Structure formats: C-alpha cells, structure tokens
C-alpha cells in the first residue's frame, strides 16, 4: 500500500495543512471565514467521537467486567490498574516540579508583561475561578456522592459525567457475574452487539479524521491569534520558558517513564508501541480530549498492540476517566510557574501539597478540553497562590492542552499493554495498517 494511503500519514498531512492554513488565515485576516466555513468540520468530527464515547465506555466496561468471570479476577486486575495509574501520575507531578524548579521559568516574566497578560485574560480567569470556587466548597466526600448517579439516563446524557458512567458499567458488570450464566447471556448479547456496532462506527468516523484534524487545528490557530499571527509569536516568546518546561516534562514522561514500564513488564519494542498507538496520539492532539479519543485508542491497542479485548475494555475506559498524567504534570509546572512569576516562594511542604492535590484532582478531571485549568485553580488555592494568576498562562493553554492530552492517551495505552502482559493476554501485534479495513468499510 502506498504510504500516503495509510491512516496515520493522512492524519499527519491533515495536521500539517491545518497548521499552514491557520498561519496564513491569521496573517490574511480570514479568522471569521475560518470560524464560519472551516472550523465546523472539526466540530463535527469531535462531536462524532463524543457521540460514541459514552456508549463505548458503558458497553466495553460491562463486557470487560462480565468477562472476568469472578470478583477475585476483577479485584486483581482493577487493583493493578488503579495502582499503576496513580503511580505514574505521582511520577508525572514530581517530574514536573523538578523541571520547573530547575528552569525557573516564572523568573523570566517582566512585571510589565505580567500586567498585560493579567489584563488581557482577566475575564477568563474570573470565570474559571468561580467554577473552581464552587468545586472547592464541596464536602470532603462529595466526590464519592458524585460518582453514584441518581438517574441512569441523566448520567449517560453528558460526557462530563464519565465517572458516573464508569460506576454504572462496573455495577452492571458485577451484577452480571453474580447471576446464572444462562440468564446473563441475553443481556451480554445485546451489550456485545452494541459494542461491535460502536467499533464499526469508529472505522466510519475515522474516514473523516484527516479533514477533521485539519479543521480543528486551523480553527485553534485562528482562535488564539485572531487576525494577527504576531500574537501567537508574542505569546510563545513571552511564555517560551514556561512552554519549554511543560513540553520537556511531557516528553520525558512519555519517553522515560512509559518506556521503563514497557521495557520492564512487556516484551514489546518501543517502535512497535509508538507506531501502533500513533494515530490515537494524533487524534488526541487535534481534539484535546482523551474521552473523545477513547474509541480510537481501544481500536489501536486491540488491533495493533495485541492487547486482549478483555483487558482493553476494562483498563482503557477507566484510564480515560482517572489517568491524567499529562494534565497533572502541567498543573504542577503551572502552579509553581505562577508563584515564581508573582514573586512567591513555595517551600517543600507546599510542593508536596501540589503532588497530593494534583494526583487526587487528576481522578476527577473530566476528559474534555480545558477541564484541567479549573482543577489548577483548586491547586493554586491549596498552596496559597492567587488564582487570578492563571491569567498569565491562559494565552497558551489551548496549545499545551493538545500536548498533554497526547500524554494522557499514551499513558492509557501503556498501562493497558502492561496489564495485558501481566495477565498473559498480550498477543502478537498486528503490524498491518487498519486503513485497509477502513477503506473496505467506505467501499462496502
């Protein structure tokens, strides 16, 4: 097959063309045209992925739990999964703190620029602070209350309620284990049919991926830059050290932490892993949503990495909900950066508080674009840094959001591969390109 017909290359081409068009559109003042005629195709692609995210989590988790056959196996796999997720998140936060303390990016922000950025994003900062204040006033066990929905249909009607969907799926799956197999079979047949349907819909939606990522990236650039491409250059120049600190942390976490896990606990080569998960990373970059990317992540892990359906249908939906390594690392860097920019010194106790708060906050962070910034406000308040300081970083947050989502999705796939290997459910990777099957769907 020619290289340009492979799905991941088509997505890369879409990203590059979107970047080029976005810069030209900003320079030529085509922002309104792009918003009216280009960006909607990206929104359609993103909405299509979101459309199947909740039913996919519900169906795959029910099947995953029910296929474990007994609660002891569920407890074993679940314990390992949550333990590794929390462990990698703690490592990510610590790595972020080490980098931001070494580079000291906040010290490079002059007072005049602090004032300009604060004034430019004061409205956004106030809105995020209000949302975080409402979250911070909840009781200590409110997160447990929020996990259990009072109405099933209300829970599945909103992608931000993914923790509730996970609870419902686990609850139903455990119930199916407890009843006689012959009575569970009709329910499982319906759920399995739904799961197979959704996986096929993923193939259809991915036909639009090159166009979708082009439109998403073009829309993002023109939204950030407006009709002045110099605005992006100015923001990146002013906040360059901060961006470097975040990106360095994300890259190191993916290339070191995940590589150590893969090399230590699986027989898979890094080349095989990253080539297999590549298209999911590209979709994550363009959508900034690990929840929306979940269907693609599951397909790639099962078909290209050899992860069994039993493991992927349990580990990956759970990861898209509670595993936010990239988000937690960014929150640690951002919190210390803002403190440095404001001339505040965070002692060891305050930075340990950041580690604990960021790890816990990552569990409750919705797998949707921009949710991490709200949890950042809670972290800032926990260590006594003025939450209005987020105005300093909002200008580049959308770009960094795309990168940290890639880390989140890569972490999900890494843990799924490790768990599959530990359960002897990691088959030989299928190195052929799934675009063959996608094209068959399109032609048939």
Protein backbone atom coordinates (compact mmCIF):
# COMPACT_ATOMS: atom_id res chain seq x y z
CA UNK A 1 0.00 0.00 0.00
CA UNK A 2 1.36 3.49 -0.86
CA UNK A 3 2.43 5.40 2.25
CA UNK A 4 0.01 8.26 1.59
CA UNK A 5 -3.00 5.91 1.86
CA UNK A 6 -2.11 4.85 5.40
CA UNK A 7 -4.34 6.41 8.02
CA UNK A 8 -1.65 7.86 10.27
CA UNK A 9 0.06 9.59 7.34
CA UNK A 10 -3.25 11.05 6.21
CA UNK A 11 -3.80 12.45 9.70
CA UNK A 12 -0.27 13.89 9.78
CA UNK A 13 -0.85 15.55 6.41
CA UNK A 14 -4.12 16.98 7.74
CA UNK A 15 -2.31 18.39 10.79
CA UNK A 16 0.45 19.98 8.69
CA UNK A 17 -2.01 21.51 6.22
CA UNK A 18 -4.14 22.77 9.12
CA UNK A 19 -1.09 24.43 10.67
CA UNK A 20 -0.11 26.07 7.38
CA UNK A 21 -3.64 27.23 6.64
CA UNK A 22 -4.11 28.55 10.20
CA UNK A 23 -0.98 30.71 9.99
CA UNK A 24 -1.96 32.03 6.54
CA UNK A 25 -5.55 32.67 7.71
CA UNK A 26 -4.33 34.64 10.72
CA UNK A 27 -1.93 36.66 8.57
CA UNK A 28 -4.59 37.41 5.95
CA UNK A 29 -7.41 38.19 8.35
CA UNK A 30 -9.50 35.12 7.47
CA UNK A 31 -10.47 34.41 11.07
CA UNK A 32 -14.22 34.88 10.57
CA UNK A 33 -14.21 32.87 7.32
CA UNK A 34 -12.37 30.04 9.08
CA UNK A 35 -14.81 30.12 12.01
CA UNK A 36 -17.80 30.02 9.64
CA UNK A 37 -16.65 27.61 6.92
CA UNK A 38 -13.66 25.56 8.15
CA UNK A 39 -13.90 25.07 11.93
CA UNK A 40 -17.40 23.49 11.81
CA UNK A 41 -15.95 20.39 10.13
CA UNK A 42 -13.61 19.98 13.08
CA UNK A 43 -16.54 20.37 15.48
CA UNK A 44 -18.49 17.72 13.54
CA UNK A 45 -15.55 15.30 13.79
CA UNK A 46 -15.14 15.97 17.51
CA UNK A 47 -18.88 15.62 18.15
CA UNK A 48 -18.96 12.32 16.25
CA UNK A 49 -16.25 10.94 18.53
CA UNK A 50 -18.03 12.27 21.60
CA UNK A 51 -21.28 10.74 20.35
CA UNK A 52 -19.95 7.22 20.71
CA UNK A 53 -17.70 7.79 23.74
CA UNK A 54 -20.35 7.19 26.44
CA UNK A 55 -21.96 4.11 24.83
CA UNK A 56 -18.49 2.72 24.16
CA UNK A 57 -17.42 3.12 27.81
CA UNK A 58 -20.72 1.65 29.01
CA UNK A 59 -20.68 -1.37 26.66
CA UNK A 60 -16.96 -2.13 26.83
CA UNK A 61 -16.71 -1.89 30.61
CA UNK A 62 -19.78 -4.08 31.13
CA UNK A 63 -18.29 -6.69 28.82
CA UNK A 64 -14.86 -6.31 30.38
CA UNK A 65 -16.11 -6.84 33.92
CA UNK A 66 -18.51 -9.64 32.99
CA UNK A 67 -15.78 -11.45 31.04
CA UNK A 68 -13.59 -11.58 34.17
CA UNK A 69 -15.98 -14.25 35.43
CA UNK A 70 -15.32 -13.74 39.13
CA UNK A 71 -14.79 -10.88 41.54
CA UNK A 72 -11.32 -12.06 42.54
CA UNK A 73 -10.06 -11.59 38.99
CA UNK A 74 -11.79 -8.20 38.81
CA UNK A 75 -10.17 -7.19 42.09
CA UNK A 76 -6.73 -8.31 40.90
CA UNK A 77 -6.84 -6.53 37.53
CA UNK A 78 -8.60 -3.50 38.96
CA UNK A 79 -6.11 -3.16 41.79
CA UNK A 80 -3.12 -3.35 39.44
CA UNK A 81 -4.68 -0.90 37.01
CA UNK A 82 -5.55 1.77 39.57
CA UNK A 83 -2.22 1.31 41.34
CA UNK A 84 -0.19 1.87 38.16
CA UNK A 85 -2.37 4.81 37.11
CA UNK A 86 -1.90 6.57 40.44
CA UNK A 87 1.81 5.71 40.49
CA UNK A 88 2.52 7.15 37.04
CA UNK A 89 0.52 10.27 37.90
CA UNK A 90 2.60 10.82 41.04
CA UNK A 91 5.79 10.38 38.98
CA UNK A 92 4.48 12.89 36.41
CA UNK A 93 3.75 15.53 39.06
CA UNK A 94 7.16 15.03 40.69
CA UNK A 95 8.90 15.26 37.32
CA UNK A 96 7.05 18.50 36.58
CA UNK A 97 8.11 20.00 39.90
CA UNK A 98 11.75 19.04 39.34
CA UNK A 99 11.81 20.64 35.89
CA UNK A 100 10.04 23.86 36.89
CA UNK A 101 12.35 24.31 39.89
CA UNK A 102 15.43 23.75 37.73
CA UNK A 103 14.40 26.04 34.85
CA UNK A 104 12.71 28.74 36.98
CA UNK A 105 10.56 29.94 34.02
CA UNK A 106 8.50 32.34 36.14
CA UNK A 107 11.56 34.44 36.94
CA UNK A 108 11.82 35.44 33.26
CA UNK A 109 8.44 37.22 33.15
CA UNK A 110 8.89 41.01 33.46
CA UNK A 111 6.43 43.00 35.57
CA UNK A 112 5.04 44.91 32.57
CA UNK A 113 4.20 41.68 30.75
CA UNK A 114 2.56 40.23 33.87
CA UNK A 115 0.27 43.27 33.94
CA UNK A 116 -0.56 43.00 30.23
CA UNK A 117 -1.37 39.28 30.36
CA UNK A 118 -3.39 39.71 33.54
CA UNK A 119 -5.50 42.46 31.97
CA UNK A 120 -5.97 40.55 28.69
CA UNK A 121 -7.30 37.39 30.33
CA UNK A 122 -8.86 38.81 33.48
CA UNK A 123 -12.37 37.86 32.36
CA UNK A 124 -11.45 34.25 31.61
CA UNK A 125 -9.54 33.98 34.88
CA UNK A 126 -12.53 35.23 36.88
CA UNK A 127 -14.85 32.73 35.19
CA UNK A 128 -12.51 29.80 35.90
CA UNK A 129 -12.06 30.95 39.48
CA UNK A 130 -15.81 30.96 40.06
CA UNK A 131 -16.11 27.41 38.72
CA UNK A 132 -13.23 26.26 40.92
CA UNK A 133 -14.66 28.02 43.97
CA UNK A 134 -17.90 26.10 43.56
CA UNK A 135 -15.91 22.85 43.33
CA UNK A 136 -13.76 23.71 46.35
CA UNK A 137 -16.77 24.34 48.61
CA UNK A 138 -17.96 20.78 48.31
CA UNK A 139 -17.66 18.40 51.27
CA UNK A 140 -14.69 16.03 51.59
CA UNK A 141 -16.76 13.02 50.44
CA UNK A 142 -18.70 14.85 47.75
CA UNK A 143 -16.63 13.19 45.02
CA UNK A 144 -17.99 9.81 46.18
CA UNK A 145 -21.53 11.18 46.09
CA UNK A 146 -20.94 12.48 42.56
CA UNK A 147 -19.79 9.07 41.33
CA UNK A 148 -23.16 7.43 42.10
CA UNK A 149 -25.85 8.87 39.80
CA UNK A 150 -29.44 9.29 40.90
CA UNK A 151 -30.65 8.70 37.36
CA UNK A 152 -29.06 6.43 34.74
CA UNK A 153 -30.29 8.45 31.78
CA UNK A 154 -29.04 11.68 33.30
CA UNK A 155 -25.60 10.12 33.78
CA UNK A 156 -25.26 8.94 30.18
CA UNK A 157 -26.58 12.19 28.72
CA UNK A 158 -23.40 14.17 29.36
CA UNK A 159 -19.78 13.25 28.56
CA UNK A 160 -18.59 15.15 31.63
CA UNK A 161 -20.35 12.54 33.80
CA UNK A 162 -17.93 9.82 32.70
CA UNK A 163 -17.12 8.74 36.27
CA UNK A 164 -20.83 8.04 36.77
CA UNK A 165 -20.92 6.05 33.53
CA UNK A 166 -17.92 4.02 34.72
CA UNK A 167 -19.67 3.33 38.03
CA UNK A 168 -22.87 2.21 36.29
CA UNK A 169 -20.93 -0.06 33.93
CA UNK A 170 -18.94 -1.62 36.79
CA UNK A 171 -22.13 -2.06 38.82
CA UNK A 172 -23.95 -3.78 35.96
CA UNK A 173 -20.92 -5.92 35.11
CA UNK A 174 -20.58 -7.11 38.72
CA UNK A 175 -24.29 -7.88 38.78
CA UNK A 176 -23.97 -10.00 35.62
CA UNK A 177 -21.19 -12.02 37.28
CA UNK A 178 -23.48 -12.76 40.24
CA UNK A 179 -26.45 -14.17 38.28
CA UNK A 180 -26.56 -17.55 36.47
CA UNK A 181 -24.74 -17.51 33.14
CA UNK A 182 -27.80 -18.55 31.13
CA UNK A 183 -29.74 -15.55 32.46
CA UNK A 184 -26.86 -13.17 31.82
CA UNK A 185 -26.34 -14.32 28.22
CA UNK A 186 -29.25 -12.33 26.65
CA UNK A 187 -28.04 -9.11 28.29
CA UNK A 188 -24.46 -9.77 27.29
CA UNK A 189 -25.52 -10.49 23.71
CA UNK A 190 -27.20 -7.08 23.45
CA UNK A 191 -24.23 -5.29 25.02
CA UNK A 192 -21.77 -7.19 22.81
CA UNK A 193 -23.78 -6.29 19.72
CA UNK A 194 -23.76 -2.63 20.79
CA UNK A 195 -20.00 -2.78 21.37
CA UNK A 196 -19.35 -4.32 17.93
CA UNK A 197 -21.56 -1.67 16.32
CA UNK A 198 -19.68 1.15 18.01
CA UNK A 199 -16.29 -0.25 16.98
CA UNK A 200 -17.50 -0.33 13.37
CA UNK A 201 -18.73 3.26 13.72
CA UNK A 202 -15.22 4.19 14.81
CA UNK A 203 -13.95 2.96 11.43
CA UNK A 204 -16.50 5.11 9.65
CA UNK A 205 -15.75 8.22 11.73
CA UNK A 206 -12.01 7.81 11.16
CA UNK A 207 -12.61 8.24 7.42
CA UNK A 208 -13.18 11.89 8.30
CA UNK A 209 -10.12 12.14 10.56
CA UNK A 210 -7.75 13.93 8.10
CA UNK A 211 -10.37 16.60 7.34
CA UNK A 212 -11.40 16.81 10.99
CA UNK A 213 -7.90 17.37 12.36
CA UNK A 214 -7.19 19.93 9.60
CA UNK A 215 -10.26 21.93 10.61
CA UNK A 216 -9.61 21.61 14.35
CA UNK A 217 -6.03 22.85 14.10
CA UNK A 218 -6.91 25.65 11.70
CA UNK A 219 -9.72 26.77 13.99
CA UNK A 220 -7.50 26.65 17.07
CA UNK A 221 -4.79 28.80 15.50
CA UNK A 222 -7.17 31.47 14.25
CA UNK A 223 -9.00 31.48 17.59
CA UNK A 224 -5.78 32.06 19.53
CA UNK A 225 -4.26 34.51 17.05
CA UNK A 226 -7.40 36.33 15.92
CA UNK A 227 -6.42 38.18 12.76
CA UNK A 228 -2.87 38.84 13.96
CA UNK A 229 -0.41 35.97 13.59
CA UNK A 230 2.14 38.01 15.56
CA UNK A 231 0.02 37.43 18.64
CA UNK A 232 0.99 33.76 18.70
CA UNK A 233 4.65 34.66 18.25
CA UNK A 234 4.46 37.22 21.06
CA UNK A 235 2.72 34.82 23.44
CA UNK A 236 5.11 31.97 22.72
CA UNK A 237 8.07 34.31 23.05
CA UNK A 238 6.89 35.77 26.35
CA UNK A 239 5.89 32.41 27.81
CA UNK A 240 8.54 30.40 25.99
CA UNK A 241 10.35 29.10 29.10
CA UNK A 242 7.04 28.02 30.61
CA UNK A 243 6.08 26.17 27.42
CA UNK A 244 9.52 24.56 27.27
CA UNK A 245 9.18 23.38 30.88
CA UNK A 246 5.77 21.80 30.24
CA UNK A 247 6.76 20.21 26.93
CA UNK A 248 10.05 18.90 28.35
CA UNK A 249 8.20 17.28 31.22
CA UNK A 250 5.61 15.68 28.92
CA UNK A 251 8.24 14.35 26.51
CA UNK A 252 10.44 12.98 29.31
CA UNK A 253 7.45 11.30 30.94
CA UNK A 254 6.46 9.60 27.68
CA UNK A 255 9.99 8.62 26.64
CA UNK A 256 11.32 7.63 30.06
CA UNK A 257 8.52 6.66 32.48
CA UNK A 258 6.41 4.81 29.92
CA UNK A 259 9.49 3.32 28.25
CA UNK A 260 10.65 1.88 31.59
CA UNK A 261 7.21 0.32 32.15
CA UNK A 262 7.12 -1.18 28.66
CA UNK A 263 10.69 -2.47 28.78
CA UNK A 264 10.37 -3.85 32.32
CA UNK A 265 6.99 -5.56 32.12
CA UNK A 266 6.28 -6.32 28.43
CA UNK A 267 8.15 -7.93 25.52
CA UNK A 268 7.03 -5.14 23.18
CA UNK A 269 9.56 -2.85 21.50
CA UNK A 270 9.09 0.91 21.77
CA UNK A 271 8.97 1.18 17.97
CA UNK A 272 6.08 -1.27 17.80
CA UNK A 273 4.24 0.50 20.60
CA UNK A 274 4.53 4.03 19.26
CA UNK A 275 3.81 3.04 15.65
CA UNK A 276 0.74 1.18 16.85
CA UNK A 277 -0.63 3.96 19.04
CA UNK A 278 0.42 6.78 16.67
CA UNK A 279 -3.00 7.54 15.09
CA UNK A 280 -4.61 7.74 18.54
CA UNK A 281 -1.94 10.24 19.61
CA UNK A 282 -2.65 12.36 16.54
CA UNK A 283 -6.40 12.35 17.20
CA UNK A 284 -5.71 13.23 20.86
CA UNK A 285 -3.54 16.15 19.73
CA UNK A 286 -6.23 17.54 17.45
CA UNK A 287 -9.23 17.01 19.75
CA UNK A 288 -7.62 17.75 23.16
CA UNK A 289 -9.94 15.11 24.62
CA UNK A 290 -8.85 11.68 25.83
CA UNK A 291 -12.54 10.80 26.16
CA UNK A 292 -13.24 11.58 22.52
CA UNK A 293 -10.06 9.70 21.52
CA UNK A 294 -11.05 6.59 23.51
CA UNK A 295 -12.66 4.71 20.59
CA UNK A 296 -9.50 5.11 18.52
CA UNK A 297 -7.26 4.20 21.48
CA UNK A 298 -9.17 0.98 22.07
CA UNK A 299 -9.09 0.01 18.42
CA UNK A 300 -5.34 0.60 18.10
CA UNK A 301 -4.50 -1.23 21.34
CA UNK A 302 -6.50 -4.29 20.37
CA UNK A 303 -5.57 -4.46 16.70
CA UNK A 304 -2.03 -3.07 16.63
CA UNK A 305 -0.59 -3.79 20.09
CA UNK A 306 -2.22 -7.16 20.69
CA UNK A 307 -4.00 -6.17 23.91
CA UNK A 308 -6.90 -8.53 24.56
CA UNK A 309 -10.41 -7.16 24.36
CA UNK A 310 -10.99 -8.24 27.97
CA UNK A 311 -8.16 -6.03 29.22
CA UNK A 312 -8.65 -3.08 26.87
CA UNK A 313 -12.39 -2.85 27.55
CA UNK A 314 -11.68 -2.52 31.27
CA UNK A 315 -8.36 -0.65 31.52
CA UNK A 316 -8.76 1.97 28.76
CA UNK A 317 -12.20 3.39 29.66
CA UNK A 318 -11.05 3.57 33.28
CA UNK A 319 -7.85 5.30 32.17
CA UNK A 320 -9.67 7.88 30.07
CA UNK A 321 -11.55 8.79 33.24
CA UNK A 322 -8.94 8.76 36.02
CA UNK A 323 -5.49 8.65 34.35
CA UNK A 324 -4.42 12.23 33.59
CA UNK A 325 -0.61 12.16 33.78
CA UNK A 326 -0.13 14.97 31.29
CA UNK A 327 -2.73 17.15 33.00
CA UNK A 328 -1.23 16.55 36.45
CA UNK A 329 2.30 17.34 35.24
CA UNK A 330 1.10 20.55 33.60
CA UNK A 331 -0.74 21.58 36.77
CA UNK A 332 2.42 21.15 38.84
CA UNK A 333 4.52 23.21 36.40
CA UNK A 334 1.83 25.88 36.04
CA UNK A 335 1.29 26.28 39.79
CA UNK A 336 4.98 26.83 40.53
CA UNK A 337 5.41 29.00 37.42
CA UNK A 338 2.61 31.32 38.53
CA UNK A 339 4.08 31.50 42.04
CA UNK A 340 7.50 32.36 40.61
CA UNK A 341 6.02 35.00 38.31
CA UNK A 342 4.25 36.59 41.27
CA UNK A 343 7.42 36.57 43.36
CA UNK A 344 6.19 33.87 45.79
CA UNK A 345 8.39 31.11 47.16
CA UNK A 346 6.79 27.69 47.57
CA UNK A 347 8.52 25.61 50.23
CA UNK A 348 8.83 21.83 50.30
CA UNK A 349 5.56 21.39 52.21
CA UNK A 350 3.68 23.47 49.64
CA UNK A 351 5.15 21.45 46.75
CA UNK A 352 4.27 18.18 48.47
CA UNK A 353 0.74 19.56 48.74
CA UNK A 354 0.81 20.14 44.99
CA UNK A 355 1.80 16.49 44.43
CA UNK A 356 -1.03 15.16 46.57
CA UNK A 357 -3.65 17.61 45.27
CA UNK A 358 -2.69 17.12 41.62
CA UNK A 359 -2.83 13.32 41.89
CA UNK A 360 -6.26 13.42 43.53
CA UNK A 361 -7.51 16.16 41.20
CA UNK A 362 -6.49 14.14 38.13
CA UNK A 363 -9.00 11.44 39.12
CA UNK A 364 -11.87 13.88 39.00
CA UNK A 365 -10.75 15.86 35.94
CA UNK A 366 -13.19 15.44 33.06
CA UNK A 367 -11.66 14.02 29.87
CA UNK A 368 -12.67 17.08 27.84
CA UNK A 369 -10.75 20.13 26.54
CA UNK A 370 -9.85 22.77 29.13
CA UNK A 371 -11.02 20.89 32.23
CA UNK A 372 -7.50 20.86 33.70
CA UNK A 373 -7.42 24.64 34.07
CA UNK A 374 -10.33 24.53 36.52
CA UNK A 375 -8.59 21.94 38.67
CA UNK A 376 -5.45 24.10 38.51
CA UNK A 377 -7.32 26.87 40.33
CA UNK A 378 -8.07 24.46 43.18
CA UNK A 379 -4.37 23.52 43.38
CA UNK A 380 -3.35 27.19 43.46
CA UNK A 381 -5.77 27.87 46.29
CA UNK A 382 -4.46 24.83 48.19
CA UNK A 383 -0.93 26.29 48.28
CA UNK A 384 -1.96 29.92 48.81
CA UNK A 385 -1.19 31.25 45.32
CA UNK A 386 -3.73 33.80 43.98
CA UNK A 387 -5.97 32.00 41.49
CA UNK A 388 -6.11 35.12 39.33
CA UNK A 389 -2.58 34.15 38.32
CA UNK A 390 -3.98 31.70 35.76
CA UNK A 391 -4.44 34.77 33.56
CA UNK A 392 -0.68 34.56 32.93
CA UNK A 393 -0.97 31.19 31.17
CA UNK A 394 -4.39 31.16 29.51
CA UNK A 395 -2.99 32.54 26.28
CA UNK A 396 -1.01 29.36 25.55
CA UNK A 397 -3.17 26.88 27.45
CA UNK A 398 -5.05 25.62 24.38
CA UNK A 399 -1.82 24.65 22.63
CA UNK A 400 -0.42 22.88 25.71
CA UNK A 401 -3.79 21.18 26.25
CA UNK A 402 -3.32 19.38 22.94
CA UNK A 403 0.11 18.12 24.00
CA UNK A 404 -0.87 16.95 27.48
CA UNK A 405 -3.81 15.03 26.03
CA UNK A 406 -1.32 13.08 23.91
CA UNK A 407 0.50 12.15 27.12
CA UNK A 408 -2.75 11.09 28.79
CA UNK A 409 -3.68 8.79 25.90
CA UNK A 410 -0.16 7.36 25.66
CA UNK A 411 -0.29 6.56 29.38
CA UNK A 412 -3.61 4.76 28.99
CA UNK A 413 -2.20 2.60 26.19
CA UNK A 414 0.99 1.90 28.14
CA UNK A 415 -0.86 0.69 31.22
CA UNK A 416 -3.24 -1.42 29.10
CA UNK A 417 -0.22 -3.11 27.48
CA UNK A 418 1.45 -3.73 30.85
CA UNK A 419 -1.72 -5.17 32.39
CA UNK A 420 -2.30 -7.39 29.35
CA UNK A 421 1.26 -8.72 29.60
CA UNK A 422 0.87 -9.38 33.34
CA UNK A 423 -2.30 -11.38 32.66
CA UNK A 424 -0.78 -13.29 29.70
CA UNK A 425 -3.29 -11.56 27.42
CA UNK A 426 -0.87 -9.69 25.16
CA UNK A 427 -0.91 -11.24 21.71
CA UNK A 428 1.36 -10.62 18.75
CA UNK A 429 0.89 -7.09 17.41
CA UNK A 430 -0.81 -6.79 14.03
CA UNK A 431 1.54 -4.53 12.10
CA UNK A 432 -0.67 -4.19 9.01
CA UNK A 433 -2.40 -0.86 8.52
CA UNK A 434 -6.03 -0.65 9.65
CA UNK A 435 -6.68 1.77 6.80
CA UNK A 436 -7.26 -1.38 4.71
CA UNK A 437 -10.29 -2.19 6.83
CA UNK A 438 -11.39 1.42 6.91
CA UNK A 439 -11.32 1.55 3.12
CA UNK A 440 -13.36 -1.65 2.92
CA UNK A 441 -16.00 -0.01 5.11
CA UNK A 442 -16.05 3.00 2.83
CA UNK A 443 -16.34 0.91 -0.32
CA UNK A 444 -18.77 -1.65 1.07
